[in-house]
Amino acid sequence: MRKDIAQSIAYAQESVLAGRRLSDAFKDKKHLYSGIMIKIIEAGEKTGTLDKSMQDMSDYMDYQVSGMLKTLTSLLEPIMLVLMATLVGGMMMSIISPIYGMISNVGGR
């Protein structure tokens, strides 16, 4: 995936140096980029504010990643809690079971 993106950026650079628009170069490789990203770049080129558009897109992507990470960590907490409870319960049973076995042997004589 990284190689594909690096190649598409190199293609975009060659395309821009050849006189084409940046958005057209990304449209040629649209399987790698989201539609909204291409539209934001296109709007920035038309209005002459490509730098601001790219910054806005960066902020939007950062917001999306932060939201996904927040969701992932909130889902991971209960899973880790159950896993830890299972491990601690297993350790407790491995310690207590032999003690109960010894008590039953002593009491049975």
Protein backbone atom coordinates (compact mmCIF):
# COMPACT_ATOMS: atom_id res chain seq x y z
CA MET A 1 0.00 0.00 0.00
CA ARG A 2 2.80 2.44 0.88
CA LYS A 3 4.50 1.67 -2.41
CA ASP A 4 1.28 2.39 -4.32
CA ILE A 5 0.85 5.74 -2.57
CA ALA A 6 4.50 6.68 -3.14
CA GLN A 7 4.12 5.82 -6.83
CA SER A 8 0.90 7.84 -7.10
CA ILE A 9 2.57 10.87 -5.49
CA ALA A 10 5.47 10.57 -7.93
CA TYR A 11 2.92 10.31 -10.74
CA ALA A 12 1.14 13.41 -9.43
CA GLN A 13 4.44 15.29 -9.35
CA GLU A 14 5.20 14.34 -12.94
CA SER A 15 1.67 15.24 -13.95
CA VAL A 16 1.85 18.68 -12.34
CA LEU A 17 5.25 19.34 -13.91
CA ALA A 18 3.69 18.42 -17.26
CA GLY A 19 1.04 21.12 -16.75
CA ARG A 20 -1.94 19.06 -15.56
CA ARG A 21 -3.92 19.79 -12.43
CA LEU A 22 -3.14 17.99 -9.19
CA SER A 23 -6.73 16.84 -8.81
CA ASP A 24 -6.63 15.24 -12.25
CA ALA A 25 -3.55 13.26 -11.26
CA PHE A 26 -5.30 12.03 -8.12
CA LYS A 27 -8.44 11.20 -10.12
CA ASP A 28 -6.33 8.86 -12.26
CA LYS A 29 -5.43 6.98 -9.06
CA LYS A 30 -8.80 7.37 -7.33
CA HIS A 31 -8.73 3.83 -5.95
CA LEU A 32 -6.11 5.06 -3.47
CA TYR A 33 -7.76 8.32 -2.40
CA SER A 34 -11.21 9.15 -1.09
CA GLY A 35 -13.61 11.11 -3.24
CA ILE A 36 -13.87 13.94 -0.74
CA MET A 37 -10.11 14.37 -0.79
CA ILE A 38 -10.07 14.75 -4.56
CA LYS A 39 -13.00 17.19 -4.46
CA ILE A 40 -11.32 19.34 -1.79
CA ILE A 41 -8.11 19.50 -3.84
CA GLU A 42 -10.13 20.39 -6.93
CA ALA A 43 -11.99 23.16 -5.10
CA GLY A 44 -8.72 24.51 -3.71
CA GLU A 45 -7.24 24.65 -7.21
CA LYS A 46 -10.26 26.46 -8.60
CA THR A 47 -10.35 29.06 -5.83
CA GLY A 48 -6.59 29.48 -5.57
CA THR A 49 -6.50 28.40 -1.94
CA LEU A 50 -4.97 24.97 -2.32
CA ASP A 51 -2.80 25.43 0.76
CA LYS A 52 -5.82 26.23 2.96
CA SER A 53 -7.78 23.38 1.41
CA MET A 54 -4.96 20.95 2.12
CA GLN A 55 -4.76 22.21 5.73
CA ASP A 56 -8.53 21.78 6.13
CA MET A 57 -8.28 18.29 4.69
CA SER A 58 -5.45 17.49 7.10
CA ASP A 59 -7.57 18.68 10.03
CA TYR A 60 -10.52 16.60 8.82
CA MET A 61 -8.40 13.46 8.45
CA ASP A 62 -6.87 14.06 11.90
CA TYR A 63 -10.39 14.36 13.34
CA GLN A 64 -11.42 11.12 11.63
CA VAL A 65 -8.39 9.21 12.91
CA SER A 66 -8.86 10.58 16.43
CA GLY A 67 -12.49 9.46 16.40
CA MET A 68 -11.57 5.98 15.20
CA LEU A 69 -8.86 5.64 17.86
CA LYS A 70 -11.26 6.81 20.56
CA THR A 71 -13.82 4.22 19.44
CA LEU A 72 -11.17 1.50 19.30
CA THR A 73 -9.90 2.23 22.78
CA SER A 74 -13.42 2.34 24.22
CA LEU A 75 -14.07 -1.10 22.68
CA LEU A 76 -10.73 -2.43 23.84
CA GLU A 77 -11.31 -1.59 27.51
CA PRO A 78 -14.11 -4.14 28.15
CA ILE A 79 -12.25 -6.81 26.18
CA MET A 80 -9.13 -6.29 28.28
CA LEU A 81 -11.23 -6.32 31.46
CA VAL A 82 -12.76 -9.71 30.59
CA LEU A 83 -9.35 -11.08 29.60
CA MET A 84 -7.73 -9.94 32.84
CA ALA A 85 -10.64 -11.29 34.92
CA THR A 86 -10.27 -14.67 33.18
CA LEU A 87 -6.52 -14.75 33.79
CA VAL A 88 -6.83 -13.74 37.45
CA GLY A 89 -9.66 -16.23 37.99
CA GLY A 90 -7.59 -19.00 36.41
CA MET A 91 -4.63 -18.19 38.63
CA MET A 92 -6.85 -18.13 41.72
CA MET A 93 -8.33 -21.51 40.81
CA SER A 94 -4.88 -23.00 40.22
CA ILE A 95 -3.81 -21.87 43.69
CA ILE A 96 -7.01 -22.65 45.61
CA SER A 97 -7.82 -26.06 44.04
CA PRO A 98 -4.77 -27.84 45.49
CA ILE A 99 -5.50 -26.30 48.91
CA TYR A 100 -9.08 -27.63 48.84
CA GLY A 101 -7.70 -31.03 47.75
CA MET A 102 -5.33 -31.11 50.71
CA ILE A 103 -8.10 -30.06 53.13
CA SER A 104 -10.40 -32.82 51.86
CA ASN A 105 -7.59 -35.41 52.26
CA VAL A 106 -6.86 -34.27 55.83
CA GLY A 107 -10.52 -34.17 56.77
CA GLY A 108 -11.21 -37.62 55.26
CA ARG A 109 -8.79 -39.53 57.55
